[in-house]
C-alpha atoms as a PDB file:
ATOM      1  CA  MET A   1      11.489  26.428  74.809  1.00  0.00           C
ATOM      2  CA  THR A   2      13.367  25.143  77.688  1.00  0.00           C
ATOM      3  CA  THR A   3      12.911  21.554  77.949  1.00  0.00           C
ATOM      4  CA  ASP A   4      14.023  19.261  81.315  1.00  0.00           C
ATOM      5  CA  ARG A   5      17.009  17.573  79.676  1.00  0.00           C
ATOM      6  CA  TYR A   6      18.088  21.246  79.467  1.00  0.00           C
ATOM      7  CA  GLN A   7      17.540  22.613  82.529  1.00  0.00           C
ATOM      8  CA  ARG A   8      19.350  19.917  84.190  1.00  0.00           C
ATOM      9  CA  GLY A   9      22.012  20.711  82.177  1.00  0.00           C
ATOM     10  CA  LEU A  10      21.967  24.282  82.953  1.00  0.00           C
ATOM     11  CA  ASP A  11      22.334  23.443  86.504  1.00  0.00           C
ATOM     12  CA  ARG A  12      24.576  20.902  86.245  1.00  0.00           C
ATOM     13  CA  MET A  13      26.742  23.137  84.229  1.00  0.00           C
ATOM     14  CA  MET A  14      26.932  26.493  86.250  1.00  0.00           C
ATOM     15  CA  GLU A  15      27.065  23.665  89.309  1.00  0.00           C
ATOM     16  CA  LEU A  16      30.860  22.301  87.628  1.00  0.00           C
ATOM     17  CA  VAL A  17      31.819  25.783  86.721  1.00  0.00           C
ATOM     18  CA  SER A  18      30.591  27.731  89.564  1.00  0.00           C
ATOM     19  CA  THR A  19      34.479  27.838  91.625  1.00  0.00           C
ATOM     20  CA  GLU A  20      36.735  30.309  91.918  1.00  0.00           C
ATOM     21  CA  HIS A  21      37.355  30.042  87.997  1.00  0.00           C
ATOM     22  CA  ALA A  22      34.147  31.230  87.001  1.00  0.00           C
ATOM     23  CA  ASN A  23      35.153  34.496  86.505  1.00  0.00           C
ATOM     24  CA  THR A  24      37.469  33.092  83.639  1.00  0.00           C
ATOM     25  CA  PHE A  25      34.626  33.824  81.094  1.00  0.00           C
ATOM     26  CA  ASP A  26      30.255  33.706  81.691  1.00  0.00           C
ATOM     27  CA  HIS A  27      29.451  30.145  80.475  1.00  0.00           C
ATOM     28  CA  ALA A  28      25.789  30.793  80.575  1.00  0.00           C
ATOM     29  CA  LYS A  29      26.118  34.412  78.809  1.00  0.00           C
ATOM     30  CA  LEU A  30      28.382  31.874  76.310  1.00  0.00           C
ATOM     31  CA  VAL A  31      25.705  29.399  75.816  1.00  0.00           C
ATOM     32  CA  GLU A  32      22.926  32.057  75.728  1.00  0.00           C
ATOM     33  CA  SER A  33      24.652  33.816  73.263  1.00  0.00           C
ATOM     34  CA  TYR A  34      24.345  30.805  70.692  1.00  0.00           C
ATOM     35  CA  LYS A  35      21.090  31.260  70.314  1.00  0.00           C
ATOM     36  CA  GLU A  36      21.688  34.379  68.081  1.00  0.00           C
ATOM     37  CA  LEU A  37      23.322  32.040  65.895  1.00  0.00           C
ATOM     38  CA  ASP A  38      21.052  28.950  65.893  1.00  0.00           C
ATOM     39  CA  PRO A  39      17.720  29.188  68.367  1.00  0.00           C
ATOM     40  CA  ASP A  40      18.694  25.181  69.099  1.00  0.00           C
ATOM     41  CA  LEU A  41      22.477  25.580  69.325  1.00  0.00           C
ATOM     42  CA  SER A  42      21.950  26.126  72.859  1.00  0.00           C
ATOM     43  CA  ASP A  43      19.846  23.470  73.609  1.00  0.00           C
ATOM     44  CA  TYR A  44      22.498  20.860  71.786  1.00  0.00           C
ATOM     45  CA  ILE A  45      25.171  22.258  73.770  1.00  0.00           C
ATOM     46  CA  VAL A  46      23.631  22.250  77.641  1.00  0.00           C
ATOM     47  CA  SER A  47      21.765  19.042  77.154  1.00  0.00           C
ATOM     48  CA  PHE A  48      24.317  16.602  75.256  1.00  0.00           C
ATOM     49  CA  ALA A  49      26.715  17.192  77.508  1.00  0.00           C
ATOM     50  CA  PHE A  50      25.970  18.686  80.812  1.00  0.00           C
ATOM     51  CA  GLY A  51      22.135  16.920  80.563  1.00  0.00           C
ATOM     52  CA  ASP A  52      23.175  13.898  79.478  1.00  0.00           C
ATOM     53  CA  ILE A  53      27.043  12.534  80.170  1.00  0.00           C
ATOM     54  CA  TYR A  54      27.794  15.214  83.326  1.00  0.00           C
ATOM     55  CA  SER A  55      24.212  13.634  84.516  1.00  0.00           C
ATOM     56  CA  ARG A  56      25.379  10.081  84.175  1.00  0.00           C
ATOM     57  CA  THR A  57      25.851   8.795  87.815  1.00  0.00           C
ATOM     58  CA  ALA A  58      28.185   5.851  86.854  1.00  0.00           C
ATOM     59  CA  LEU A  59      30.989   7.724  85.970  1.00  0.00           C
ATOM     60  CA  THR A  60      32.892  10.188  88.158  1.00  0.00           C
ATOM     61  CA  GLN A  61      32.712  14.053  87.270  1.00  0.00           C
ATOM     62  CA  GLN A  62      36.556  13.761  85.908  1.00  0.00           C
ATOM     63  CA  GLU A  63      35.721  10.536  83.793  1.00  0.00           C
ATOM     64  CA  GLN A  64      32.717  12.649  82.768  1.00  0.00           C
ATOM     65  CA  THR A  65      34.732  15.602  81.587  1.00  0.00           C
ATOM     66  CA  MET A  66      37.034  13.732  79.877  1.00  0.00           C
ATOM     67  CA  VAL A  67      34.365  11.542  77.983  1.00  0.00           C
ATOM     68  CA  THR A  68      33.007  15.158  76.723  1.00  0.00           C
ATOM     69  CA  ILE A  69      36.287  16.341  75.798  1.00  0.00           C
ATOM     70  CA  SER A  70      36.842  13.242  73.646  1.00  0.00           C
ATOM     71  CA  THR A  71      33.535  13.874  71.677  1.00  0.00           C
ATOM     72  CA  LEU A  72      33.687  17.263  71.361  1.00  0.00           C
ATOM     73  CA  VAL A  73      37.332  16.685  69.735  1.00  0.00           C
ATOM     74  CA  ALA A  74      35.828  14.519  67.339  1.00  0.00           C
ATOM     75  CA  LEU A  75      33.285  16.850  66.456  1.00  0.00           C
ATOM     76  CA  GLY A  76      35.648  19.807  65.786  1.00  0.00           C
ATOM     77  CA  THR A  77      33.572  21.969  68.133  1.00  0.00           C
ATOM     78  CA  GLU A  78      35.720  24.500  69.635  1.00  0.00           C
ATOM     79  CA  PRO A  79      33.632  26.875  71.881  1.00  0.00           C
ATOM     80  CA  GLN A  80      31.959  24.201  73.335  1.00  0.00           C
ATOM     81  CA  LEU A  81      35.342  22.055  74.044  1.00  0.00           C
ATOM     82  CA  LYS A  82      36.684  24.984  75.616  1.00  0.00           C
ATOM     83  CA  LEU A  83      34.035  25.027  78.180  1.00  0.00           C
ATOM     84  CA  HIS A  84      34.657  21.647  79.020  1.00  0.00           C
ATOM     85  CA  ILE A  85      38.377  21.773  79.337  1.00  0.00           C
ATOM     86  CA  ASN A  86      37.927  24.753  81.441  1.00  0.00           C
ATOM     87  CA  THR A  87      35.754  22.854  83.654  1.00  0.00           C
ATOM     88  CA  GLY A  88      37.936  19.633  83.391  1.00  0.00           C
ATOM     89  CA  PHE A  89      40.747  21.851  85.496  1.00  0.00           C
ATOM     90  CA  THR A  90      37.721  23.110  87.303  1.00  0.00           C
ATOM     91  CA  VAL A  91      37.116  19.419  88.515  1.00  0.00           C
ATOM     92  CA  GLY A  92      40.260  18.431  89.186  1.00  0.00           C
ATOM     93  CA  LEU A  93      41.865  17.302  85.811  1.00  0.00           C
ATOM     94  CA  SER A  94      45.382  17.733  84.977  1.00  0.00           C
ATOM     95  CA  LYS A  95      46.786  18.894  81.769  1.00  0.00           C
ATOM     96  CA  GLU A  96      48.330  15.797  81.337  1.00  0.00           C
ATOM     97  CA  LYS A  97      45.263  13.802  81.524  1.00  0.00           C
ATOM     98  CA  ILE A  98      43.242  16.684  79.139  1.00  0.00           C
ATOM     99  CA  VAL A  99      46.241  15.934  76.877  1.00  0.00           C
ATOM    100  CA  GLY A 100      46.662  12.340  77.283  1.00  0.00           C
ATOM    101  CA  ALA A 101      42.818  12.277  76.384  1.00  0.00           C
ATOM    102  CA  LEU A 102      43.211  13.939  73.436  1.00  0.00           C
ATOM    103  CA  ILE A 103      46.470  12.112  72.139  1.00  0.00           C
ATOM    104  CA  HIS A 104      44.691   8.931  72.471  1.00  0.00           C
ATOM    105  CA  CYS A 105      42.070  10.790  69.900  1.00  0.00           C
ATOM    106  CA  ILE A 106      44.652  10.796  67.311  1.00  0.00           C
ATOM    107  CA  PRO A 107      44.322   7.775  65.291  1.00  0.00           C
ATOM    108  CA  TYR A 108      40.203   8.151  65.195  1.00  0.00           C
ATOM    109  CA  ILE A 109      40.230  11.411  64.606  1.00  0.00           C
ATOM    110  CA  GLY A 110      43.510  12.700  62.806  1.00  0.00           C
ATOM    111  CA  PHE A 111      46.361  15.058  64.375  1.00  0.00           C
ATOM    112  CA  PRO A 112      44.893  18.551  62.720  1.00  0.00           C
ATOM    113  CA  ARG A 113      41.876  18.522  65.317  1.00  0.00           C
ATOM    114  CA  VAL A 114      43.953  17.270  67.952  1.00  0.00           C
ATOM    115  CA  LEU A 115      46.776  20.307  67.334  1.00  0.00           C
ATOM    116  CA  ASN A 116      43.520  22.554  67.638  1.00  0.00           C
ATOM    117  CA  ALA A 117      42.415  20.968  70.777  1.00  0.00           C
ATOM    118  CA  LEU A 118      45.834  21.573  72.522  1.00  0.00           C
ATOM    119  CA  THR A 119      46.154  25.144  71.438  1.00  0.00           C
ATOM    120  CA  LEU A 120      42.945  25.558  73.481  1.00  0.00           C
ATOM    121  CA  VAL A 121      43.867  23.720  76.356  1.00  0.00           C
ATOM    122  CA  LYS A 122      46.838  26.097  76.278  1.00  0.00           C
ATOM    123  CA  GLU A 123      44.611  29.173  75.787  1.00  0.00           C
ATOM    124  CA  VAL A 124      42.266  27.590  78.961  1.00  0.00           C
ATOM    125  CA  MET A 125      45.624  27.272  81.097  1.00  0.00           C
ATOM    126  CA  ALA A 126      46.529  31.376  80.275  1.00  0.00           C
ATOM    127  CA  GLU A 127      43.177  32.392  80.827  1.00  0.00           C
ATOM    128  CA  ARG A 128      43.272  30.666  83.957  1.00  0.00           C
ATOM    129  CA  GLY A 129      47.137  32.176  85.114  1.00  0.00           C
ATOM    130  CA  LEU A 130      48.370  28.488  84.803  1.00  0.00           C
ATOM    131  CA  THR A 131      51.459  27.860  83.681  1.00  0.00           C
ATOM    132  CA  PRO A 132      52.700  24.569  82.280  1.00  0.00           C
ATOM    133  CA  GLU A 133      54.365  23.876  85.500  1.00  0.00           C
ATOM    134  CA  ALA A 134      51.432  24.836  87.685  1.00  0.00           C
ATOM    135  CA  ALA A 135      49.070  22.437  86.024  1.00  0.00           C
ATOM    136  CA  ASP A 136      51.381  19.436  86.618  1.00  0.00           C
END
């Protein structure tokens, strides 16, 4: 069943990833593929981040993305995190801002999860054709 929150989130997700970098991977197919693992997982992914956080008008798109990235690092949900790191670059976050947000998470969630997230940042940058110097 598609809820209003899910549909609002799906619409917002596609709005945020519909740029020249949308071909990095198909975000909608990725989300839909999670239904095979658990029927509620795709709803959780879209409704929570895009339907709730990304729909808050008091935050800028960059702030919405940083909040989501920080939350997902804490939860250890790497497939979702990769999607939101990609979204971060799409909405204009620099590598430094993303890495800075991750570093601030270390005291609360520990270094191993942050290290995994930093690896995902490198993966997303490589997929987008960004070199460390170009992302500055």
